[in-house]
Amino acid sequence: MEVGEVAKTRAHVVVEGVVQGVYFRGYTREQALAAGVTGWVRNLLDGRVEAVFEGERQAVEKVIRWCHQGPPAARVTGVTVTWEDWRGEFDTFTIRR
C-alpha cells in the first residue's frame, strides 16, 4: 500500500433474526451508498439476509455496525462477518433478488 492510500477491504455478512419483510435490504442499500460502500444484499431462503460490502475499511465497518441494529422493524439476533481481500468487483450497491 502506498503512502496516503486508504486501506480497502471486503466483508461477507450474514444477518439473522427478524430481518425479512422489514425493508432490511432497502435500508442496507441506503446505508451502504451513503457510506460510499459497494456490493450487494439479498434475502436467503432460510430467513436470513446476506450481503457483501466493499470499500474503505472504516466505511465498511460503519455499515456493519448498522447491520447489528437494522431498520426500526427489524430484530437482529446475530451478525456473522467474514473479512476478505478487497477485489474492486462492484461499481455501486445493489439489491439482489
PDB file of N, CA and C in Angstrom:
ATOM      1  N   MET A   1       0.846  -1.167   0.000  1.00  0.00           N
ATOM      2  CA  MET A   1       0.000   0.000   0.000  1.00  0.00           C
ATOM      3  C   MET A   1       0.897   1.237   0.000  1.00  0.00           C
ATOM      4  N   GLU A   2       0.561   2.194  -0.835  1.00  0.00           N
ATOM      5  CA  GLU A   2       1.321   3.434  -0.961  1.00  0.00           C
ATOM      6  C   GLU A   2       1.008   4.383   0.199  1.00  0.00           C
ATOM      7  N   VAL A   3       1.951   5.292   0.471  1.00  0.00           N
ATOM      8  CA  VAL A   3       1.725   6.306   1.496  1.00  0.00           C
ATOM      9  C   VAL A   3       0.515   7.153   1.098  1.00  0.00           C
ATOM     10  N   GLY A   4      -0.384   7.370   2.035  1.00  0.00           N
ATOM     11  CA  GLY A   4      -1.584   8.153   1.758  1.00  0.00           C
ATOM     12  C   GLY A   4      -2.724   7.360   1.148  1.00  0.00           C
ATOM     13  N   GLU A   5      -2.463   6.110   0.788  1.00  0.00           N
ATOM     14  CA  GLU A   5      -3.504   5.260   0.209  1.00  0.00           C
ATOM     15  C   GLU A   5      -4.400   4.728   1.332  1.00  0.00           C
ATOM     16  N   VAL A   6      -5.679   4.693   1.097  1.00  0.00           N
ATOM     17  CA  VAL A   6      -6.635   4.231   2.099  1.00  0.00           C
ATOM     18  C   VAL A   6      -6.819   2.725   1.962  1.00  0.00           C
ATOM     19  N   ALA A   7      -6.800   2.028   3.104  1.00  0.00           N
ATOM     20  CA  ALA A   7      -6.977   0.578   3.100  1.00  0.00           C
ATOM     21  C   ALA A   7      -8.401   0.232   2.682  1.00  0.00           C
ATOM     22  N   LYS A   8      -8.506  -0.640   1.696  1.00  0.00           N
ATOM     23  CA  LYS A   8      -9.824  -1.103   1.251  1.00  0.00           C
ATOM     24  C   LYS A   8      -9.982  -2.563   1.640  1.00  0.00           C
ATOM     25  N   THR A   9     -11.224  -2.955   1.850  1.00  0.00           N
ATOM     26  CA  THR A   9     -11.493  -4.306   2.303  1.00  0.00           C
ATOM     27  C   THR A   9     -12.813  -4.804   1.738  1.00  0.00           C
ATOM     28  N   ARG A  10     -13.095  -6.054   2.014  1.00  0.00           N
ATOM     29  CA  ARG A  10     -14.341  -6.694   1.591  1.00  0.00           C
ATOM     30  C   ARG A  10     -14.841  -7.511   2.774  1.00  0.00           C
ATOM     31  N   ALA A  11     -16.150  -7.465   3.004  1.00  0.00           N
ATOM     32  CA  ALA A  11     -16.744  -8.248   4.084  1.00  0.00           C
ATOM     33  C   ALA A  11     -17.965  -8.987   3.559  1.00  0.00           C
ATOM     34  N   HIS A  12     -18.031 -10.266   3.883  1.00  0.00           N
ATOM     35  CA  HIS A  12     -19.204 -11.095   3.588  1.00  0.00           C
ATOM     36  C   HIS A  12     -19.977 -11.195   4.900  1.00  0.00           C
ATOM     37  N   VAL A  13     -21.234 -10.756   4.884  1.00  0.00           N
ATOM     38  CA  VAL A  13     -22.009 -10.610   6.117  1.00  0.00           C
ATOM     39  C   VAL A  13     -23.322 -11.385   6.011  1.00  0.00           C
ATOM     40  N   VAL A  14     -23.677 -12.083   7.082  1.00  0.00           N
ATOM     41  CA  VAL A  14     -24.968 -12.762   7.175  1.00  0.00           C
ATOM     42  C   VAL A  14     -25.650 -12.274   8.451  1.00  0.00           C
ATOM     43  N   VAL A  15     -26.881 -11.795   8.301  1.00  0.00           N
ATOM     44  CA  VAL A  15     -27.634 -11.223   9.419  1.00  0.00           C
ATOM     45  C   VAL A  15     -28.814 -12.135   9.738  1.00  0.00           C
ATOM     46  N   GLU A  16     -28.976 -12.451  11.028  1.00  0.00           N
ATOM     47  CA  GLU A  16     -30.053 -13.333  11.478  1.00  0.00           C
ATOM     48  C   GLU A  16     -31.051 -12.579  12.340  1.00  0.00           C
ATOM     49  N   GLY A  17     -32.255 -13.121  12.432  1.00  0.00           N
ATOM     50  CA  GLY A  17     -33.312 -12.547  13.256  1.00  0.00           C
ATOM     51  C   GLY A  17     -34.531 -12.248  12.404  1.00  0.00           C
ATOM     52  N   VAL A  18     -35.322 -11.269  12.832  1.00  0.00           N
ATOM     53  CA  VAL A  18     -36.458 -10.808  12.032  1.00  0.00           C
ATOM     54  C   VAL A  18     -35.895  -9.748  11.097  1.00  0.00           C
ATOM     55  N   VAL A  19     -35.427 -10.207   9.934  1.00  0.00           N
ATOM     56  CA  VAL A  19     -34.718  -9.311   9.013  1.00  0.00           C
ATOM     57  C   VAL A  19     -35.288  -9.343   7.593  1.00  0.00           C
ATOM     58  N   GLN A  20     -36.350 -10.097   7.400  1.00  0.00           N
ATOM     59  CA  GLN A  20     -37.033 -10.085   6.108  1.00  0.00           C
ATOM     60  C   GLN A  20     -38.438  -9.529   6.309  1.00  0.00           C
ATOM     61  N   GLY A  21     -38.916  -8.810   5.297  1.00  0.00           N
ATOM     62  CA  GLY A  21     -40.229  -8.198   5.389  1.00  0.00           C
ATOM     63  C   GLY A  21     -40.234  -6.922   6.219  1.00  0.00           C
ATOM     64  N   VAL A  22     -39.040  -6.391   6.505  1.00  0.00           N
ATOM     65  CA  VAL A  22     -38.917  -5.173   7.321  1.00  0.00           C
ATOM     66  C   VAL A  22     -38.081  -4.114   6.603  1.00  0.00           C
ATOM     67  N   TYR A  23     -37.942  -4.265   5.280  1.00  0.00           N
ATOM     68  CA  TYR A  23     -37.188  -3.335   4.434  1.00  0.00           C
ATOM     69  C   TYR A  23     -35.693  -3.322   4.770  1.00  0.00           C
ATOM     70  N   PHE A  24     -35.181  -4.447   5.269  1.00  0.00           N
ATOM     71  CA  PHE A  24     -33.768  -4.528   5.641  1.00  0.00           C
ATOM     72  C   PHE A  24     -32.860  -4.295   4.442  1.00  0.00           C
ATOM     73  N   ARG A  25     -33.191  -4.913   3.316  1.00  0.00           N
ATOM     74  CA  ARG A  25     -32.337  -4.755   2.130  1.00  0.00           C
ATOM     75  C   ARG A  25     -32.316  -3.310   1.647  1.00  0.00           C
ATOM     76  N   GLY A  26     -33.469  -2.667   1.625  1.00  0.00           N
ATOM     77  CA  GLY A  26     -33.541  -1.279   1.171  1.00  0.00           C
ATOM     78  C   GLY A  26     -32.751  -0.333   2.064  1.00  0.00           C
ATOM     79  N   TYR A  27     -32.904  -0.495   3.368  1.00  0.00           N
ATOM     80  CA  TYR A  27     -32.147   0.334   4.307  1.00  0.00           C
ATOM     81  C   TYR A  27     -30.648   0.044   4.200  1.00  0.00           C
ATOM     82  N   THR A  28     -30.296  -1.226   4.019  1.00  0.00           N
ATOM     83  CA  THR A  28     -28.880  -1.576   3.883  1.00  0.00           C
ATOM     84  C   THR A  28     -28.285  -0.883   2.668  1.00  0.00           C
ATOM     85  N   ARG A  29     -29.020  -0.890   1.571  1.00  0.00           N
ATOM     86  CA  ARG A  29     -28.545  -0.207   0.360  1.00  0.00           C
ATOM     87  C   ARG A  29     -28.349   1.283   0.635  1.00  0.00           C
ATOM     88  N   GLU A  30     -29.313   1.916   1.297  1.00  0.00           N
ATOM     89  CA  GLU A  30     -29.194   3.347   1.623  1.00  0.00           C
ATOM     90  C   GLU A  30     -27.965   3.616   2.489  1.00  0.00           C
ATOM     91  N   GLN A  31     -27.746   2.780   3.497  1.00  0.00           N
ATOM     92  CA  GLN A  31     -26.590   2.949   4.388  1.00  0.00           C
ATOM     93  C   GLN A  31     -25.280   2.778   3.627  1.00  0.00           C
ATOM     94  N   ALA A  32     -25.228   1.757   2.767  1.00  0.00           N
ATOM     95  CA  ALA A  32     -24.007   1.494   2.004  1.00  0.00           C
ATOM     96  C   ALA A  32     -23.701   2.640   1.046  1.00  0.00           C
ATOM     97  N   LEU A  33     -24.698   3.090   0.313  1.00  0.00           N
ATOM     98  CA  LEU A  33     -24.479   4.188  -0.639  1.00  0.00           C
ATOM     99  C   LEU A  33     -24.045   5.462   0.080  1.00  0.00           C
ATOM    100  N   ALA A  34     -24.653   5.753   1.223  1.00  0.00           N
ATOM    101  CA  ALA A  34     -24.285   6.948   1.988  1.00  0.00           C
ATOM    102  C   ALA A  34     -22.843   6.872   2.485  1.00  0.00           C
ATOM    103  N   ALA A  35     -22.366   5.654   2.753  1.00  0.00           N
ATOM    104  CA  ALA A  35     -21.004   5.462   3.257  1.00  0.00           C
ATOM    105  C   ALA A  35     -19.979   5.298   2.136  1.00  0.00           C
ATOM    106  N   GLY A  36     -20.450   5.231   0.891  1.00  0.00           N
ATOM    107  CA  GLY A  36     -19.534   5.027  -0.227  1.00  0.00           C
ATOM    108  C   GLY A  36     -19.083   3.585  -0.381  1.00  0.00           C
ATOM    109  N   VAL A  37     -19.906   2.661   0.097  1.00  0.00           N
ATOM    110  CA  VAL A  37     -19.600   1.234   0.051  1.00  0.00           C
ATOM    111  C   VAL A  37     -20.322   0.601  -1.135  1.00  0.00           C
ATOM    112  N   THR A  38     -19.651  -0.308  -1.828  1.00  0.00           N
ATOM    113  CA  THR A  38     -20.250  -1.026  -2.950  1.00  0.00           C
ATOM    114  C   THR A  38     -20.503  -2.475  -2.556  1.00  0.00           C
ATOM    115  N   GLY A  39     -21.283  -3.183  -3.398  1.00  0.00           N
ATOM    116  CA  GLY A  39     -21.565  -4.590  -3.146  1.00  0.00           C
ATOM    117  C   GLY A  39     -23.013  -4.922  -3.411  1.00  0.00           C
ATOM    118  N   TRP A  40     -23.569  -5.827  -2.603  1.00  0.00           N
ATOM    119  CA  TRP A  40     -24.951  -6.251  -2.793  1.00  0.00           C
ATOM    120  C   TRP A  40     -25.525  -6.798  -1.490  1.00  0.00           C
ATOM    121  N   VAL A  41     -26.855  -6.933  -1.474  1.00  0.00           N
ATOM    122  CA  VAL A  41     -27.574  -7.531  -0.357  1.00  0.00           C
ATOM    123  C   VAL A  41     -28.716  -8.360  -0.925  1.00  0.00           C
ATOM    124  N   ARG A  42     -29.041  -9.479  -0.258  1.00  0.00           N
ATOM    125  CA  ARG A  42     -30.153 -10.321  -0.714  1.00  0.00           C
ATOM    126  C   ARG A  42     -30.742 -11.101   0.455  1.00  0.00           C
ATOM    127  N   ASN A  43     -32.001 -11.501   0.288  1.00  0.00           N
ATOM    128  CA  ASN A  43     -32.662 -12.393   1.232  1.00  0.00           C
ATOM    129  C   ASN A  43     -32.237 -13.819   0.939  1.00  0.00           C
ATOM    130  N   LEU A  44     -32.086 -14.620   1.986  1.00  0.00           N
ATOM    131  CA  LEU A  44     -31.840 -16.048   1.841  1.00  0.00           C
ATOM    132  C   LEU A  44     -33.133 -16.805   2.130  1.00  0.00           C
ATOM    133  N   LEU A  45     -33.245 -17.991   1.587  1.00  0.00           N
ATOM    134  CA  LEU A  45     -34.466 -18.781   1.754  1.00  0.00           C
ATOM    135  C   LEU A  45     -34.745 -19.143   3.208  1.00  0.00           C
ATOM    136  N   ASP A  46     -33.704 -19.186   4.044  1.00  0.00           N
ATOM    137  CA  ASP A  46     -33.885 -19.571   5.449  1.00  0.00           C
ATOM    138  C   ASP A  46     -34.255 -18.401   6.364  1.00  0.00           C
ATOM    139  N   GLY A  47     -34.525 -17.220   5.774  1.00  0.00           N
ATOM    140  CA  GLY A  47     -34.956 -16.074   6.566  1.00  0.00           C
ATOM    141  C   GLY A  47     -33.856 -15.098   6.941  1.00  0.00           C
ATOM    142  N   ARG A  48     -32.613 -15.449   6.638  1.00  0.00           N
ATOM    143  CA  ARG A  48     -31.508 -14.539   6.921  1.00  0.00           C
ATOM    144  C   ARG A  48     -31.297 -13.578   5.754  1.00  0.00           C
ATOM    145  N   VAL A  49     -30.459 -12.568   5.961  1.00  0.00           N
ATOM    146  CA  VAL A  49     -30.056 -11.637   4.911  1.00  0.00           C
ATOM    147  C   VAL A  49     -28.548 -11.768   4.739  1.00  0.00           C
ATOM    148  N   GLU A  50     -28.109 -11.811   3.488  1.00  0.00           N
ATOM    149  CA  GLU A  50     -26.689 -11.933   3.157  1.00  0.00           C
ATOM    150  C   GLU A  50     -26.256 -10.691   2.398  1.00  0.00           C
ATOM    151  N   ALA A  51     -25.035 -10.228   2.660  1.00  0.00           N
ATOM    152  CA  ALA A  51     -24.521  -9.052   1.964  1.00  0.00           C
ATOM    153  C   ALA A  51     -23.022  -9.172   1.753  1.00  0.00           C
ATOM    154  N   VAL A  52     -22.541  -8.485   0.727  1.00  0.00           N
ATOM    155  CA  VAL A  52     -21.109  -8.307   0.505  1.00  0.00           C
ATOM    156  C   VAL A  52     -20.872  -6.808   0.422  1.00  0.00           C
ATOM    157  N   PHE A  53     -19.944  -6.325   1.245  1.00  0.00           N
ATOM    158  CA  PHE A  53     -19.596  -4.909   1.271  1.00  0.00           C
ATOM    159  C   PHE A  53     -18.143  -4.742   0.852  1.00  0.00           C
ATOM    160  N   GLU A  54     -17.877  -3.778  -0.036  1.00  0.00           N
ATOM    161  CA  GLU A  54     -16.508  -3.441  -0.413  1.00  0.00           C
ATOM    162  C   GLU A  54     -16.302  -1.939  -0.286  1.00  0.00           C
ATOM    163  N   GLY A  55     -15.135  -1.560   0.188  1.00  0.00           N
ATOM    164  CA  GLY A  55     -14.815  -0.144   0.275  1.00  0.00           C
ATOM    165  C   GLY A  55     -13.738   0.122   1.297  1.00  0.00           C
ATOM    166  N   GLU A  56     -13.607   1.388   1.676  1.00  0.00           N
ATOM    167  CA  GLU A  56     -12.652   1.758   2.708  1.00  0.00           C
ATOM    168  C   GLU A  56     -13.049   1.067   4.005  1.00  0.00           C
ATOM    169  N   ARG A  57     -12.061   0.566   4.722  1.00  0.00           N
ATOM    170  CA  ARG A  57     -12.343  -0.244   5.912  1.00  0.00           C
ATOM    171  C   ARG A  57     -13.283   0.461   6.890  1.00  0.00           C
ATOM    172  N   GLN A  58     -13.039   1.732   7.183  1.00  0.00           N
ATOM    173  CA  GLN A  58     -13.897   2.444   8.137  1.00  0.00           C
ATOM    174  C   GLN A  58     -15.340   2.524   7.647  1.00  0.00           C
ATOM    175  N   ALA A  59     -15.529   2.712   6.352  1.00  0.00           N
ATOM    176  CA  ALA A  59     -16.882   2.799   5.793  1.00  0.00           C
ATOM    177  C   ALA A  59     -17.589   1.447   5.879  1.00  0.00           C
ATOM    178  N   VAL A  60     -16.867   0.379   5.555  1.00  0.00           N
ATOM    179  CA  VAL A  60     -17.443  -0.969   5.637  1.00  0.00           C
ATOM    180  C   VAL A  60     -17.813  -1.284   7.087  1.00  0.00           C
ATOM    181  N   GLU A  61     -16.931  -0.948   8.017  1.00  0.00           N
ATOM    182  CA  GLU A  61     -17.216  -1.186   9.430  1.00  0.00           C
ATOM    183  C   GLU A  61     -18.451  -0.411   9.887  1.00  0.00           C
ATOM    184  N   LYS A  62     -18.633   0.803   9.373  1.00  0.00           N
ATOM    185  CA  LYS A  62     -19.801   1.615   9.729  1.00  0.00           C
ATOM    186  C   LYS A  62     -21.094   0.931   9.285  1.00  0.00           C
ATOM    187  N   VAL A  63     -21.112   0.390   8.070  1.00  0.00           N
ATOM    188  CA  VAL A  63     -22.312  -0.288   7.572  1.00  0.00           C
ATOM    189  C   VAL A  63     -22.562  -1.568   8.371  1.00  0.00           C
ATOM    190  N   ILE A  64     -21.502  -2.280   8.714  1.00  0.00           N
ATOM    191  CA  ILE A  64     -21.660  -3.498   9.519  1.00  0.00           C
ATOM    192  C   ILE A  64     -22.220  -3.157  10.899  1.00  0.00           C
ATOM    193  N   ARG A  65     -21.748  -2.080  11.506  1.00  0.00           N
ATOM    194  CA  ARG A  65     -22.302  -1.657  12.804  1.00  0.00           C
ATOM    195  C   ARG A  65     -23.800  -1.395  12.672  1.00  0.00           C
ATOM    196  N   TRP A  66     -24.191  -0.754  11.574  1.00  0.00           N
ATOM    197  CA  TRP A  66     -25.618  -0.501  11.356  1.00  0.00           C
ATOM    198  C   TRP A  66     -26.382  -1.824  11.244  1.00  0.00           C
ATOM    199  N   CYS A  67     -25.793  -2.822  10.587  1.00  0.00           N
ATOM    200  CA  CYS A  67     -26.457  -4.121  10.409  1.00  0.00           C
ATOM    201  C   CYS A  67     -26.789  -4.786  11.745  1.00  0.00           C
ATOM    202  N   HIS A  68     -26.024  -4.504  12.787  1.00  0.00           N
ATOM    203  CA  HIS A  68     -26.312  -5.078  14.102  1.00  0.00           C
ATOM    204  C   HIS A  68     -27.635  -4.562  14.673  1.00  0.00           C
ATOM    205  N   GLN A  69     -28.080  -3.414  14.198  1.00  0.00           N
ATOM    206  CA  GLN A  69     -29.356  -2.841  14.641  1.00  0.00           C
ATOM    207  C   GLN A  69     -30.422  -3.009  13.564  1.00  0.00           C
ATOM    208  N   GLY A  70     -30.094  -2.620  12.330  1.00  0.00           N
ATOM    209  CA  GLY A  70     -31.037  -2.710  11.224  1.00  0.00           C
ATOM    210  C   GLY A  70     -32.101  -1.630  11.291  1.00  0.00           C
ATOM    211  N   PRO A  71     -33.100  -1.728  10.420  1.00  0.00           N
ATOM    212  CA  PRO A  71     -34.181  -0.745  10.396  1.00  0.00           C
ATOM    213  C   PRO A  71     -35.091  -0.902  11.621  1.00  0.00           C
ATOM    214  N   PRO A  72     -35.972   0.075  11.851  1.00  0.00           N
ATOM    215  CA  PRO A  72     -36.804   0.066  13.063  1.00  0.00           C
ATOM    216  C   PRO A  72     -37.584  -1.229  13.315  1.00  0.00           C
ATOM    217  N   ALA A  73     -38.140  -1.853  12.291  1.00  0.00           N
ATOM    218  CA  ALA A  73     -38.971  -3.044  12.495  1.00  0.00           C
ATOM    219  C   ALA A  73     -38.162  -4.336  12.623  1.00  0.00           C
ATOM    220  N   ALA A  74     -36.865  -4.289  12.382  1.00  0.00           N
ATOM    221  CA  ALA A  74     -36.024  -5.492  12.443  1.00  0.00           C
ATOM    222  C   ALA A  74     -35.702  -5.856  13.890  1.00  0.00           C
ATOM    223  N   ARG A  75     -35.444  -7.131  14.102  1.00  0.00           N
ATOM    224  CA  ARG A  75     -34.960  -7.627  15.393  1.00  0.00           C
ATOM    225  C   ARG A  75     -33.759  -8.517  15.090  1.00  0.00           C
ATOM    226  N   VAL A  76     -32.585  -7.922  15.065  1.00  0.00           N
ATOM    227  CA  VAL A  76     -31.358  -8.641  14.717  1.00  0.00           C
ATOM    228  C   VAL A  76     -30.898  -9.459  15.916  1.00  0.00           C
ATOM    229  N   THR A  77     -30.655 -10.762  15.682  1.00  0.00           N
ATOM    230  CA  THR A  77     -30.179 -11.640  16.756  1.00  0.00           C
ATOM    231  C   THR A  77     -28.742 -12.085  16.543  1.00  0.00           C
ATOM    232  N   GLY A  78     -28.210 -11.864  15.351  1.00  0.00           N
ATOM    233  CA  GLY A  78     -26.824 -12.249  15.098  1.00  0.00           C
ATOM    234  C   GLY A  78     -26.312 -11.702  13.788  1.00  0.00           C
ATOM    235  N   VAL A  79     -25.025 -11.379  13.775  1.00  0.00           N
ATOM    236  CA  VAL A  79     -24.358 -10.913  12.561  1.00  0.00           C
ATOM    237  C   VAL A  79     -23.030 -11.652  12.458  1.00  0.00           C
ATOM    238  N   THR A  80     -22.836 -12.367  11.362  1.00  0.00           N
ATOM    239  CA  THR A  80     -21.584 -13.072  11.109  1.00  0.00           C
ATOM    240  C   THR A  80     -20.833 -12.331  10.020  1.00  0.00           C
ATOM    241  N   VAL A  81     -19.577 -11.979  10.289  1.00  0.00           N
ATOM    242  CA  VAL A  81     -18.758 -11.233   9.339  1.00  0.00           C
ATOM    243  C   VAL A  81     -17.530 -12.056   8.986  1.00  0.00           C
ATOM    244  N   THR A  82     -17.300 -12.235   7.693  1.00  0.00           N
ATOM    245  CA  THR A  82     -16.085 -12.869   7.203  1.00  0.00           C
ATOM    246  C   THR A  82     -15.326 -11.832   6.394  1.00  0.00           C
ATOM    247  N   TRP A  83     -14.143 -11.447   6.877  1.00  0.00           N
ATOM    248  CA  TRP A  83     -13.336 -10.446   6.179  1.00  0.00           C
ATOM    249  C   TRP A  83     -12.574 -11.107   5.043  1.00  0.00           C
ATOM    250  N   GLU A  84     -12.542 -10.440   3.905  1.00  0.00           N
ATOM    251  CA  GLU A  84     -11.869 -10.951   2.714  1.00  0.00           C
ATOM    252  C   GLU A  84     -11.020  -9.841   2.108  1.00  0.00           C
ATOM    253  N   ASP A  85     -10.170 -10.204   1.163  1.00  0.00           N
ATOM    254  CA  ASP A  85      -9.380  -9.207   0.443  1.00  0.00           C
ATOM    255  C   ASP A  85     -10.277  -8.433  -0.505  1.00  0.00           C
ATOM    256  N   TRP A  86     -10.047  -7.140  -0.578  1.00  0.00           N
ATOM    257  CA  TRP A  86     -10.787  -6.271  -1.497  1.00  0.00           C
ATOM    258  C   TRP A  86     -10.532  -6.716  -2.934  1.00  0.00           C
ATOM    259  N   ARG A  87     -11.585  -6.775  -3.736  1.00  0.00           N
ATOM    260  CA  ARG A  87     -11.474  -7.189  -5.139  1.00  0.00           C
ATOM    261  C   ARG A  87     -11.817  -6.073  -6.111  1.00  0.00           C
ATOM    262  N   GLY A  88     -12.501  -5.036  -5.657  1.00  0.00           N
ATOM    263  CA  GLY A  88     -12.920  -3.959  -6.554  1.00  0.00           C
ATOM    264  C   GLY A  88     -13.914  -4.438  -7.593  1.00  0.00           C
ATOM    265  N   GLU A  89     -14.773  -5.343  -7.186  1.00  0.00           N
ATOM    266  CA  GLU A  89     -15.683  -6.048  -8.095  1.00  0.00           C
ATOM    267  C   GLU A  89     -16.925  -5.247  -8.482  1.00  0.00           C
ATOM    268  N   PHE A  90     -17.298  -4.247  -7.683  1.00  0.00           N
ATOM    269  CA  PHE A  90     -18.585  -3.578  -7.871  1.00  0.00           C
ATOM    270  C   PHE A  90     -18.432  -2.089  -8.151  1.00  0.00           C
ATOM    271  N   ASP A  91     -19.400  -1.541  -8.901  1.00  0.00           N
ATOM    272  CA  ASP A  91     -19.434  -0.104  -9.186  1.00  0.00           C
ATOM    273  C   ASP A  91     -20.398   0.636  -8.266  1.00  0.00           C
ATOM    274  N   THR A  92     -21.367  -0.085  -7.717  1.00  0.00           N
ATOM    275  CA  THR A  92     -22.397   0.521  -6.871  1.00  0.00           C
ATOM    276  C   THR A  92     -22.863  -0.522  -5.867  1.00  0.00           C
ATOM    277  N   PHE A  93     -23.957  -0.253  -5.171  1.00  0.00           N
ATOM    278  CA  PHE A  93     -24.524  -1.215  -4.232  1.00  0.00           C
ATOM    279  C   PHE A  93     -25.921  -1.584  -4.707  1.00  0.00           C
ATOM    280  N   THR A  94     -26.194  -2.873  -4.843  1.00  0.00           N
ATOM    281  CA  THR A  94     -27.459  -3.327  -5.412  1.00  0.00           C
ATOM    282  C   THR A  94     -28.192  -4.290  -4.477  1.00  0.00           C
ATOM    283  N   ILE A  95     -29.496  -4.387  -4.720  1.00  0.00           N
ATOM    284  CA  ILE A  95     -30.325  -5.389  -4.058  1.00  0.00           C
ATOM    285  C   ILE A  95     -30.488  -6.535  -5.040  1.00  0.00           C
ATOM    286  N   ARG A  96     -30.068  -7.719  -4.613  1.00  0.00           N
ATOM    287  CA  ARG A  96     -30.230  -8.905  -5.460  1.00  0.00           C
ATOM    288  C   ARG A  96     -31.500  -9.618  -5.058  1.00  0.00           C
ATOM    289  N   ARG A  97     -32.153 -10.210  -6.055  1.00  0.00           N
ATOM    290  CA  ARG A  97     -33.396 -10.932  -5.789  1.00  0.00           C
ATOM    291  C   ARG A  97     -33.241 -12.396  -6.118  1.00  0.00           C
TER     292      ARG A  97
END
